[in-house]
Amino acid sequence: MIGPERGDSARKVSRMLADVEWAETAGLDTAWVPQIPTDFDALTAVALMGARTERIELGTAVVPLQAQHPIALARQALSAQAAAGGRLALGIGPSHHWIVRDMLGLPYERPAALTRDHLDVLDAALHGPGPVDVENGTFTVHNPLDIGPVRPLPVLLAALGPVMLALAGERADGTVLWMADERAVADHVVPRITKAAEAAGRRAPRIVAGIPVCLCRPSEVDAARERANRILGEAEISPNYQRLLDYGDARDVGDLCAAGDEKAVAARLRRFADAGVTDLSVRLLPLGDGRDELVASKRRTREMIAGLAAELR
């Protein structure tokens, strides 16, 4: 994952671009750009990253559907995909009540039905160019569109519950997960999304799991998990994530953290792969006192991840 980063906007841009250049040089397959309420627009970031890279896939994880009309989202995604030379993987999702209702002041009702209606419009727009004519329970769209994808554009859906996982298998190229441990992936996510994809005649879905990772001494593992809970724990206020946690053994994001020495981190990531995860999206979790120690910890962890990437493919 690249971003979000603290600091002023001008400095964040340069750090973000340096990070994606490193990821491409290190041989990683995808850079996932989170979309959070307080930070950069993920698709704009993808367009910037695309201009500085040549090979690496650039994915959003994920763009909230309620924040914009599906035609506007399609236009932005197609623009970013063209800027990135066709390397965009569009991760989208219905977000959470505390973002949509409490922050944006929009209704948060029947998110799965809204997602299905949104996909009707988005699918038509992303398979252009040409007119987009869709009428469903949410949208009445008759919109000309003169742009289309420069390459096939994969769409991945943030899907946590049974209904959304079925929709992701039926209508999307996979799912982007957060707060799903190995048991939740193996027993809950994989069977439901795979069954739906097979029934729809689609190929096996991608399953992207977001995992905090910290390379540290064994004696520092508890501190790493505490840090994960402190800086990433706001996700636990969401009923959607709480229900997903109930499918697994983890009780919080600290339990999901792959922390320890290289052997311990590699073993944890392999367990996720064995559970059915196709893409490991690493959220670097540096550990230390002060900026210099945190920067050094981040660099050590990401170098380890680069070394493990080839083994885990």
Protein backbone atom coordinates (compact mmCIF):
# COMPACT_ATOMS: atom_id res chain seq x y z
CA MET A 1 0.00 0.00 0.00
CA ILE A 2 1.20 3.51 -0.79
CA GLY A 3 -0.29 6.29 1.30
CA PRO A 4 -1.70 7.88 3.25
CA GLU A 5 1.25 9.87 4.53
CA ARG A 6 1.32 12.62 7.10
CA GLY A 7 2.64 16.05 6.24
CA ASP A 8 1.84 18.89 3.87
CA SER A 9 0.43 18.07 0.45
CA ALA A 10 3.53 19.06 -1.53
CA ARG A 11 5.79 16.76 0.49
CA LYS A 12 3.30 13.91 0.38
CA VAL A 13 3.29 13.93 -3.41
CA SER A 14 7.06 13.55 -3.64
CA ARG A 15 7.11 10.79 -0.99
CA MET A 16 4.27 8.94 -2.70
CA LEU A 17 6.04 9.05 -6.05
CA ALA A 18 9.32 7.93 -4.51
CA ASP A 19 7.50 5.01 -2.88
CA VAL A 20 5.90 3.82 -6.12
CA GLU A 21 9.21 4.12 -7.98
CA TRP A 22 10.78 1.96 -5.28
CA ALA A 23 7.94 -0.59 -5.51
CA GLU A 24 8.38 -0.93 -9.26
CA THR A 25 12.16 -1.23 -8.99
CA ALA A 26 11.75 -3.82 -6.23
CA GLY A 27 9.68 -5.99 -8.57
CA LEU A 28 6.36 -5.79 -6.73
CA ASP A 29 3.29 -6.54 -8.82
CA THR A 30 0.82 -3.90 -7.60
CA ALA A 31 0.79 -0.69 -5.60
CA TRP A 32 -2.54 -0.29 -3.77
CA VAL A 33 -3.64 3.26 -3.00
CA PRO A 34 -6.09 3.58 -0.10
CA GLN A 35 -8.90 6.13 -0.34
CA ILE A 36 -9.52 7.56 3.10
CA PRO A 37 -11.65 10.59 4.01
CA THR A 38 -8.76 12.82 5.08
CA ASP A 39 -6.27 12.31 2.28
CA PHE A 40 -5.57 12.45 -1.45
CA ASP A 41 -7.95 11.30 -4.12
CA ALA A 42 -6.80 7.78 -4.98
CA LEU A 43 -7.49 7.95 -8.71
CA THR A 44 -5.61 11.24 -9.02
CA ALA A 45 -2.73 9.56 -7.21
CA VAL A 46 -2.89 6.66 -9.69
CA ALA A 47 -2.63 9.10 -12.61
CA LEU A 48 0.44 10.72 -11.03
CA MET A 49 2.03 7.36 -10.28
CA GLY A 50 1.33 6.15 -13.79
CA ALA A 51 3.41 8.97 -15.22
CA ARG A 52 6.40 7.93 -13.09
CA THR A 53 6.27 4.16 -13.65
CA GLU A 54 6.15 1.77 -16.59
CA ARG A 55 5.20 -1.70 -15.40
CA ILE A 56 3.58 -1.91 -11.99
CA GLU A 57 -0.20 -2.28 -11.66
CA LEU A 58 -1.86 0.58 -9.75
CA GLY A 59 -4.98 -0.22 -7.73
CA THR A 60 -7.43 1.77 -5.63
CA ALA A 61 -8.42 0.26 -2.29
CA VAL A 62 -11.12 1.48 -2.41
CA VAL A 63 -13.09 4.37 -3.94
CA PRO A 64 -16.41 4.91 -2.06
CA LEU A 65 -19.36 4.63 -4.42
CA GLN A 66 -21.65 7.07 -2.65
CA ALA A 67 -19.23 9.97 -3.03
CA GLN A 68 -19.92 10.50 -6.74
CA HIS A 69 -22.19 9.62 -9.63
CA PRO A 70 -21.14 6.46 -11.51
CA ILE A 71 -20.64 8.42 -14.74
CA ALA A 72 -18.27 10.79 -12.94
CA LEU A 73 -16.46 7.81 -11.42
CA ALA A 74 -16.20 6.08 -14.79
CA ARG A 75 -14.85 9.22 -16.46
CA GLN A 76 -12.25 9.66 -13.72
CA ALA A 77 -11.25 5.97 -13.78
CA LEU A 78 -10.91 5.90 -17.57
CA SER A 79 -8.83 9.08 -17.46
CA ALA A 80 -6.53 7.66 -14.77
CA GLN A 81 -6.27 4.35 -16.62
CA ALA A 82 -5.20 6.13 -19.81
CA ALA A 83 -2.66 8.21 -17.88
CA ALA A 84 -1.26 5.01 -16.36
CA GLY A 85 -1.02 3.24 -19.69
CA GLY A 86 -3.82 0.80 -18.88
CA ARG A 87 -2.42 -0.36 -15.54
CA LEU A 88 -5.35 0.59 -13.28
CA ALA A 89 -7.20 -1.94 -11.13
CA LEU A 90 -10.32 -0.12 -9.94
CA GLY A 91 -11.24 -1.05 -6.40
CA ILE A 92 -14.64 0.29 -5.35
CA GLY A 93 -17.07 -0.24 -2.49
CA PRO A 94 -20.07 1.11 -0.60
CA SER A 95 -17.91 2.32 2.31
CA HIS A 96 -19.25 2.64 5.89
CA HIS A 97 -21.95 4.55 7.69
CA TRP A 98 -19.43 6.65 9.65
CA ILE A 99 -18.00 7.97 6.38
CA VAL A 100 -21.07 8.22 4.15
CA ARG A 101 -23.67 9.33 6.68
CA ASP A 102 -21.66 10.97 9.46
CA MET A 103 -18.95 12.70 7.38
CA LEU A 104 -20.61 13.30 4.00
CA GLY A 105 -24.19 13.71 5.16
CA LEU A 106 -25.48 11.22 2.59
CA PRO A 107 -27.95 8.39 3.19
CA TYR A 108 -26.48 4.99 3.99
CA GLU A 109 -29.32 2.68 3.06
CA ARG A 110 -29.31 -0.70 1.31
CA PRO A 111 -25.60 -0.50 0.36
CA ALA A 112 -25.64 -3.81 -1.55
CA ALA A 113 -28.60 -2.72 -3.70
CA LEU A 114 -26.92 0.64 -4.34
CA THR A 115 -23.73 -1.16 -5.34
CA ARG A 116 -25.60 -3.36 -7.82
CA ASP A 117 -27.28 -0.31 -9.37
CA HIS A 118 -23.97 1.54 -9.47
CA LEU A 119 -22.34 -1.39 -11.24
CA ASP A 120 -25.06 -1.35 -13.92
CA VAL A 121 -23.97 2.15 -14.93
CA LEU A 122 -20.26 1.66 -14.33
CA ASP A 123 -20.11 -1.55 -16.37
CA ALA A 124 -21.76 0.12 -19.34
CA ALA A 125 -19.47 3.15 -19.10
CA LEU A 126 -16.27 1.14 -18.72
CA HIS A 127 -17.04 -0.90 -21.82
CA GLY A 128 -17.33 2.16 -24.05
CA PRO A 129 -16.93 4.35 -25.89
CA GLY A 130 -20.57 4.82 -26.66
CA PRO A 131 -23.85 5.87 -25.10
CA VAL A 132 -24.59 4.75 -21.54
CA ASP A 133 -28.30 4.01 -21.24
CA VAL A 134 -29.26 2.53 -17.86
CA GLU A 135 -32.43 2.80 -15.84
CA ASN A 136 -32.68 0.99 -12.52
CA GLY A 137 -33.88 1.58 -8.98
CA THR A 138 -31.31 4.30 -8.30
CA PHE A 139 -30.19 5.82 -11.61
CA THR A 140 -31.73 7.02 -14.83
CA VAL A 141 -28.78 7.59 -17.12
CA HIS A 142 -28.68 8.48 -20.81
CA ASN A 143 -25.18 9.79 -21.24
CA PRO A 144 -22.88 9.84 -24.27
CA LEU A 145 -19.29 8.90 -23.50
CA ASP A 146 -16.52 9.23 -26.07
CA ILE A 147 -13.77 7.53 -24.07
CA GLY A 148 -13.19 3.88 -23.34
CA PRO A 149 -10.56 1.76 -21.61
CA VAL A 150 -7.14 1.60 -23.25
CA ARG A 151 -6.96 -1.99 -21.98
CA PRO A 152 -9.46 -4.21 -20.16
CA LEU A 153 -10.06 -2.51 -16.82
CA PRO A 154 -10.49 -4.90 -13.86
CA VAL A 155 -13.02 -3.87 -11.22
CA LEU A 156 -12.70 -5.24 -7.69
CA LEU A 157 -15.37 -4.83 -5.08
CA ALA A 158 -14.88 -4.33 -1.35
CA ALA A 159 -17.04 -7.21 -0.10
CA LEU A 160 -17.25 -8.32 3.51
CA GLY A 161 -20.65 -9.98 4.00
CA PRO A 162 -22.36 -12.84 2.13
CA VAL A 163 -24.50 -10.63 -0.12
CA MET A 164 -21.62 -8.42 -1.20
CA LEU A 165 -19.32 -11.40 -1.74
CA ALA A 166 -21.93 -13.00 -3.99
CA LEU A 167 -22.22 -9.72 -5.90
CA ALA A 168 -18.44 -9.46 -6.24
CA GLY A 169 -18.24 -12.96 -7.65
CA GLU A 170 -21.14 -12.38 -10.03
CA ARG A 171 -20.27 -8.89 -11.29
CA ALA A 172 -16.63 -8.03 -10.49
CA ASP A 173 -13.12 -9.39 -10.99
CA GLY A 174 -12.53 -9.98 -7.31
CA THR A 175 -12.62 -8.40 -3.89
CA VAL A 176 -10.47 -6.11 -1.77
CA LEU A 177 -10.45 -7.06 1.92
CA TRP A 178 -9.48 -5.41 5.17
CA MET A 179 -9.87 -6.97 8.63
CA ALA A 180 -10.11 -10.54 7.27
CA ASP A 181 -7.81 -13.10 8.87
CA GLU A 182 -6.84 -16.48 7.44
CA ARG A 183 -9.88 -18.35 8.74
CA ALA A 184 -12.28 -15.65 7.56
CA VAL A 185 -10.70 -15.81 4.10
CA ALA A 186 -10.72 -19.60 3.86
CA ASP A 187 -14.12 -20.33 5.41
CA HIS A 188 -16.14 -17.24 4.52
CA VAL A 189 -14.69 -15.22 1.64
CA VAL A 190 -13.28 -17.80 -0.77
CA PRO A 191 -16.25 -20.22 -0.86
CA ARG A 192 -18.86 -17.50 -1.37
CA ILE A 193 -17.11 -15.40 -3.98
CA THR A 194 -15.83 -18.44 -5.89
CA LYS A 195 -19.25 -20.08 -6.01
CA ALA A 196 -20.83 -16.89 -7.34
CA ALA A 197 -18.12 -16.42 -9.96
CA GLU A 198 -18.49 -20.01 -11.16
CA ALA A 199 -22.28 -19.69 -11.37
CA ALA A 200 -21.89 -16.52 -13.44
CA GLY A 201 -19.37 -18.15 -15.77
CA ARG A 202 -16.59 -15.81 -14.67
CA ARG A 203 -12.96 -16.70 -14.11
CA ALA A 204 -11.58 -17.28 -10.62
CA PRO A 205 -11.74 -14.00 -8.68
CA ARG A 206 -8.80 -12.09 -7.29
CA ILE A 207 -8.84 -11.91 -3.50
CA VAL A 208 -6.80 -8.98 -2.24
CA ALA A 209 -6.09 -9.02 1.50
CA GLY A 210 -4.80 -5.95 3.30
CA ILE A 211 -2.32 -6.99 5.99
CA PRO A 212 -0.30 -4.76 8.35
CA VAL A 213 3.34 -5.92 8.41
CA CYS A 214 6.13 -5.01 10.81
CA LEU A 215 9.64 -6.47 10.74
CA CYS A 216 10.83 -6.40 14.33
CA ARG A 217 12.48 -8.42 17.07
CA PRO A 218 10.32 -11.12 18.67
CA SER A 219 10.37 -9.10 21.88
CA GLU A 220 8.74 -6.18 20.01
CA VAL A 221 5.78 -8.09 18.55
CA ASP A 222 3.37 -6.97 21.26
CA ALA A 223 4.43 -3.36 20.74
CA ALA A 224 3.83 -3.71 16.99
CA ARG A 225 0.34 -5.06 17.58
CA GLU A 226 -0.41 -2.27 20.03
CA ARG A 227 0.76 0.27 17.43
CA ALA A 228 -1.47 -1.33 14.80
CA ASN A 229 -4.46 -1.01 17.11
CA ARG A 230 -3.56 2.58 17.92
CA ILE A 231 -3.11 3.93 14.37
CA LEU A 232 -5.38 1.57 12.41
CA GLY A 233 -7.98 0.70 15.01
CA GLU A 234 -10.62 3.17 13.85
CA ALA A 235 -11.76 0.49 11.43
CA GLU A 236 -13.10 -1.50 14.36
CA ILE A 237 -15.94 0.98 14.93
CA SER A 238 -17.61 -0.27 11.77
CA PRO A 239 -20.31 -2.94 12.12
CA ASN A 240 -19.22 -4.23 8.70
CA TYR A 241 -15.74 -4.98 9.98
CA GLN A 242 -17.03 -6.35 13.26
CA ARG A 243 -19.16 -8.88 11.41
CA LEU A 244 -16.18 -9.87 9.27
CA LEU A 245 -14.03 -10.36 12.37
CA ASP A 246 -16.68 -12.74 13.69
CA TYR A 247 -15.95 -15.11 10.79
CA GLY A 248 -12.32 -15.50 11.90
CA ASP A 249 -10.12 -15.72 14.95
CA ALA A 250 -8.80 -12.14 15.02
CA ARG A 251 -10.47 -9.73 17.41
CA ASP A 252 -8.80 -6.54 16.21
CA VAL A 253 -6.35 -5.23 13.63
CA GLY A 254 -3.44 -6.01 15.94
CA ASP A 255 -4.29 -9.70 15.67
CA LEU A 256 -4.11 -9.38 11.87
CA CYS A 257 -0.65 -7.83 11.96
CA ALA A 258 2.17 -9.98 10.56
CA ALA A 259 4.87 -8.96 13.02
CA GLY A 260 8.21 -10.42 14.08
CA ASP A 261 11.39 -11.49 12.37
CA GLU A 262 11.56 -12.39 8.69
CA LYS A 263 10.74 -16.04 9.32
CA ALA A 264 7.63 -15.18 11.34
CA VAL A 265 6.36 -12.62 8.82
CA ALA A 266 6.92 -14.99 5.90
CA ALA A 267 5.07 -17.79 7.69
CA ARG A 268 2.08 -15.53 8.38
CA LEU A 269 1.90 -14.31 4.78
CA ARG A 270 2.10 -17.89 3.52
CA ARG A 271 -0.88 -18.79 5.72
CA PHE A 272 -2.88 -16.05 4.01
CA ALA A 273 -1.83 -17.39 0.60
CA ASP A 274 -2.75 -20.92 1.64
CA ALA A 275 -6.18 -19.65 2.73
CA GLY A 276 -6.89 -18.51 -0.83
CA VAL A 277 -5.57 -14.94 -0.98
CA THR A 278 -4.27 -14.14 -4.46
CA ASP A 279 -2.86 -10.67 -3.71
CA LEU A 280 -1.13 -9.69 -0.47
CA SER A 281 -1.51 -5.95 0.02
CA VAL A 282 1.04 -4.97 2.66
CA ARG A 283 0.38 -2.03 4.95
CA LEU A 284 3.86 -1.17 6.24
CA LEU A 285 3.79 -0.63 9.99
CA PRO A 286 7.05 0.97 11.13
CA LEU A 287 8.06 0.76 14.77
CA GLY A 288 10.35 3.06 16.70
CA ASP A 289 10.81 6.22 18.72
CA GLY A 290 11.03 9.34 16.61
CA ARG A 291 11.12 9.96 12.89
CA ASP A 292 14.55 8.49 12.16
CA GLU A 293 13.74 5.16 13.79
CA LEU A 294 10.35 4.99 12.07
CA VAL A 295 11.90 5.68 8.66
CA ALA A 296 14.59 3.06 9.23
CA SER A 297 11.95 0.53 10.34
CA LYS A 298 9.85 1.22 7.23
CA ARG A 299 12.83 0.69 4.97
CA ARG A 300 13.84 -2.56 6.65
CA THR A 301 10.30 -3.90 6.42
CA ARG A 302 9.81 -3.02 2.78
CA GLU A 303 13.17 -4.51 1.77
CA MET A 304 12.12 -7.73 3.46
CA ILE A 305 8.80 -7.65 1.59
CA ALA A 306 10.63 -7.18 -1.72
CA GLY A 307 12.70 -10.24 -0.92
CA LEU A 308 9.63 -12.32 -0.03
CA ALA A 309 7.59 -11.26 -3.06
CA ALA A 310 9.27 -13.64 -5.48
CA GLU A 311 8.96 -16.56 -3.03
CA LEU A 312 5.25 -15.97 -2.44
CA ARG A 313 4.19 -15.70 -6.11
